Amino acid sequence: MDTETWKKLAHLEEKVDAIYISVEKTRKYFLGMVIATVVALVLPILGLMFAIPSFLSSYEQLSNIESLEF
């Protein structure tokens, strides 16, 4: 192979390396977005699992107090 072909191969290798770096950055960005989305959805749902029974209990106690007054 002549030197021109080797230069082209070296240039192509540089481009492939640059693409690989770009793809890895994109993959990490998407992974971060997936984790953030899961956290943004799961944490409020878990909070509601504890908050709703507490609110219902408070509401039930309030309605029991009101019914005793009449």
N, C-alpha and C. Protein backbone atom coordinates (compact mmCIF):
# COMPACT_ATOMS: atom_id res chain seq x y z
N MET A 1 0.84 -1.18 0.00
CA MET A 1 0.00 0.00 0.00
C MET A 1 0.89 1.24 0.00
N ASP A 2 0.43 2.23 -0.69
CA ASP A 2 1.23 3.45 -0.77
C ASP A 2 0.93 4.38 0.41
N THR A 3 1.68 5.44 0.49
CA THR A 3 1.56 6.35 1.64
C THR A 3 0.23 7.09 1.65
N GLU A 4 -0.31 7.35 0.46
CA GLU A 4 -1.61 8.04 0.40
C GLU A 4 -2.71 7.21 1.06
N THR A 5 -2.68 5.93 0.84
CA THR A 5 -3.68 5.03 1.44
C THR A 5 -3.52 5.01 2.96
N TRP A 6 -2.29 4.97 3.43
CA TRP A 6 -2.04 4.98 4.87
C TRP A 6 -2.52 6.28 5.51
N LYS A 7 -2.33 7.38 4.82
CA LYS A 7 -2.81 8.67 5.32
C LYS A 7 -4.33 8.69 5.42
N LYS A 8 -4.98 8.14 4.38
CA LYS A 8 -6.44 8.08 4.41
C LYS A 8 -6.93 7.19 5.55
N LEU A 9 -6.26 6.07 5.75
CA LEU A 9 -6.64 5.16 6.84
C LEU A 9 -6.44 5.83 8.20
N ALA A 10 -5.37 6.56 8.35
CA ALA A 10 -5.11 7.25 9.61
C ALA A 10 -6.15 8.34 9.84
N HIS A 11 -6.51 9.03 8.78
CA HIS A 11 -7.53 10.07 8.88
C HIS A 11 -8.90 9.46 9.24
N LEU A 12 -9.23 8.34 8.63
CA LEU A 12 -10.48 7.65 8.94
C LEU A 12 -10.49 7.15 10.39
N GLU A 13 -9.35 6.68 10.85
CA GLU A 13 -9.25 6.21 12.23
C GLU A 13 -9.48 7.36 13.21
N GLU A 14 -8.95 8.54 12.90
CA GLU A 14 -9.19 9.71 13.74
C GLU A 14 -10.68 10.05 13.78
N LYS A 15 -11.33 9.97 12.63
CA LYS A 15 -12.76 10.27 12.58
C LYS A 15 -13.57 9.24 13.39
N VAL A 16 -13.22 8.00 13.28
CA VAL A 16 -13.92 6.95 14.03
C VAL A 16 -13.72 7.16 15.53
N ASP A 17 -12.54 7.52 15.93
CA ASP A 17 -12.28 7.80 17.35
C ASP A 17 -13.11 8.99 17.84
N ALA A 18 -13.22 10.02 17.02
CA ALA A 18 -14.02 11.19 17.39
C ALA A 18 -15.50 10.81 17.49
N ILE A 19 -15.97 9.99 16.58
CA ILE A 19 -17.37 9.53 16.62
C ILE A 19 -17.60 8.70 17.88
N TYR A 20 -16.67 7.84 18.22
CA TYR A 20 -16.81 7.02 19.42
C TYR A 20 -16.92 7.89 20.67
N ILE A 21 -16.09 8.91 20.76
CA ILE A 21 -16.14 9.81 21.92
C ILE A 21 -17.50 10.51 21.98
N SER A 22 -17.98 10.95 20.83
CA SER A 22 -19.27 11.63 20.77
C SER A 22 -20.41 10.69 21.17
N VAL A 23 -20.35 9.48 20.71
CA VAL A 23 -21.39 8.49 21.03
C VAL A 23 -21.38 8.18 22.53
N GLU A 24 -20.22 8.06 23.12
CA GLU A 24 -20.13 7.78 24.55
C GLU A 24 -20.70 8.95 25.37
N LYS A 25 -20.43 10.18 24.96
CA LYS A 25 -21.00 11.33 25.65
C LYS A 25 -22.52 11.32 25.54
N THR A 26 -23.03 11.01 24.36
CA THR A 26 -24.48 10.95 24.15
C THR A 26 -25.10 9.85 24.99
N ARG A 27 -24.45 8.70 25.06
CA ARG A 27 -24.96 7.59 25.86
C ARG A 27 -25.04 7.96 27.33
N LYS A 28 -24.02 8.62 27.83
CA LYS A 28 -24.02 9.05 29.23
C LYS A 28 -25.10 10.09 29.48
N TYR A 29 -25.32 10.98 28.51
CA TYR A 29 -26.37 11.99 28.64
C TYR A 29 -27.74 11.33 28.72
N PHE A 30 -28.00 10.37 27.82
CA PHE A 30 -29.28 9.67 27.84
C PHE A 30 -29.46 8.86 29.12
N LEU A 31 -28.42 8.24 29.60
CA LEU A 31 -28.50 7.49 30.85
C LEU A 31 -28.85 8.42 32.00
N GLY A 32 -28.23 9.58 32.03
CA GLY A 32 -28.55 10.56 33.07
C GLY A 32 -29.99 11.02 32.98
N MET A 33 -30.49 11.22 31.77
CA MET A 33 -31.87 11.65 31.61
C MET A 33 -32.85 10.55 32.03
N VAL A 34 -32.52 9.30 31.75
CA VAL A 34 -33.38 8.19 32.17
C VAL A 34 -33.42 8.10 33.68
N ILE A 35 -32.27 8.22 34.31
CA ILE A 35 -32.21 8.17 35.78
C ILE A 35 -32.99 9.33 36.38
N ALA A 36 -32.83 10.53 35.83
CA ALA A 36 -33.56 11.70 36.34
C ALA A 36 -35.07 11.52 36.17
N THR A 37 -35.49 10.96 35.05
CA THR A 37 -36.91 10.74 34.81
C THR A 37 -37.47 9.72 35.78
N VAL A 38 -36.75 8.65 36.00
CA VAL A 38 -37.22 7.63 36.95
C VAL A 38 -37.31 8.21 38.35
N VAL A 39 -36.33 8.97 38.75
CA VAL A 39 -36.36 9.59 40.08
C VAL A 39 -37.52 10.57 40.18
N ALA A 40 -37.74 11.35 39.13
CA ALA A 40 -38.82 12.34 39.15
C ALA A 40 -40.19 11.68 39.19
N LEU A 41 -40.32 10.47 38.71
CA LEU A 41 -41.60 9.77 38.74
C LEU A 41 -41.77 8.89 39.97
N VAL A 42 -40.73 8.21 40.36
CA VAL A 42 -40.83 7.23 41.44
C VAL A 42 -40.91 7.89 42.81
N LEU A 43 -40.11 8.91 43.05
CA LEU A 43 -40.12 9.54 44.37
C LEU A 43 -41.47 10.14 44.74
N PRO A 44 -42.14 10.87 43.85
CA PRO A 44 -43.46 11.36 44.21
C PRO A 44 -44.48 10.24 44.44
N ILE A 45 -44.39 9.18 43.66
CA ILE A 45 -45.31 8.05 43.86
C ILE A 45 -45.08 7.41 45.21
N LEU A 46 -43.82 7.23 45.59
CA LEU A 46 -43.54 6.67 46.91
C LEU A 46 -44.01 7.60 48.01
N GLY A 47 -43.84 8.90 47.81
CA GLY A 47 -44.32 9.86 48.79
C GLY A 47 -45.83 9.82 48.94
N LEU A 48 -46.52 9.68 47.83
CA LEU A 48 -47.98 9.60 47.89
C LEU A 48 -48.45 8.31 48.55
N MET A 49 -47.68 7.25 48.44
CA MET A 49 -48.06 6.00 49.10
C MET A 49 -48.11 6.18 50.62
N PHE A 50 -47.31 7.07 51.15
CA PHE A 50 -47.32 7.34 52.58
C PHE A 50 -48.23 8.51 52.94
N ALA A 51 -48.35 9.48 52.05
CA ALA A 51 -49.12 10.68 52.36
C ALA A 51 -50.62 10.44 52.27
N ILE A 52 -51.09 9.71 51.29
CA ILE A 52 -52.53 9.52 51.12
C ILE A 52 -53.15 8.80 52.31
N PRO A 53 -52.59 7.71 52.82
CA PRO A 53 -53.19 7.10 54.01
C PRO A 53 -53.20 8.05 55.22
N SER A 54 -52.17 8.86 55.34
CA SER A 54 -52.13 9.82 56.44
C SER A 54 -53.24 10.85 56.29
N PHE A 55 -53.42 11.37 55.09
CA PHE A 55 -54.49 12.34 54.86
C PHE A 55 -55.86 11.71 55.09
N LEU A 56 -56.05 10.49 54.62
CA LEU A 56 -57.33 9.83 54.81
C LEU A 56 -57.61 9.59 56.29
N SER A 57 -56.59 9.22 57.03
CA SER A 57 -56.76 9.02 58.47
C SER A 57 -57.12 10.33 59.15
N SER A 58 -56.46 11.40 58.79
CA SER A 58 -56.78 12.71 59.36
C SER A 58 -58.19 13.13 59.00
N TYR A 59 -58.59 12.91 57.77
CA TYR A 59 -59.93 13.28 57.32
C TYR A 59 -60.98 12.45 58.06
N GLU A 60 -60.68 11.17 58.25
CA GLU A 60 -61.62 10.30 58.97
C GLU A 60 -61.76 10.75 60.42
N GLN A 61 -60.67 11.11 61.05
CA GLN A 61 -60.74 11.60 62.43
C GLN A 61 -61.51 12.91 62.50
N LEU A 62 -61.33 13.77 61.52
CA LEU A 62 -62.05 15.04 61.48
C LEU A 62 -63.54 14.80 61.30
N SER A 63 -63.91 13.87 60.45
CA SER A 63 -65.34 13.60 60.25
C SER A 63 -65.95 12.94 61.48
N ASN A 64 -65.17 12.15 62.22
CA ASN A 64 -65.67 11.56 63.46
C ASN A 64 -65.89 12.63 64.52
N ILE A 65 -65.03 13.61 64.60
CA ILE A 65 -65.17 14.70 65.57
C ILE A 65 -66.41 15.53 65.23
N GLU A 66 -66.62 15.82 63.95
CA GLU A 66 -67.77 16.60 63.54
C GLU A 66 -69.08 15.87 63.82
N SER A 67 -69.08 14.56 63.65
CA SER A 67 -70.32 13.79 63.88
C SER A 67 -70.64 13.70 65.37
N LEU A 68 -69.66 13.83 66.23
CA LEU A 68 -69.92 13.80 67.67
C LEU A 68 -70.57 15.08 68.15
N GLU A 69 -70.32 16.18 67.47
CA GLU A 69 -70.87 17.46 67.89
C GLU A 69 -72.36 17.55 67.63
N PHE A 70 -72.86 16.85 66.64
CA PHE A 70 -74.29 16.96 66.31
C PHE A 70 -75.06 16.06 67.14
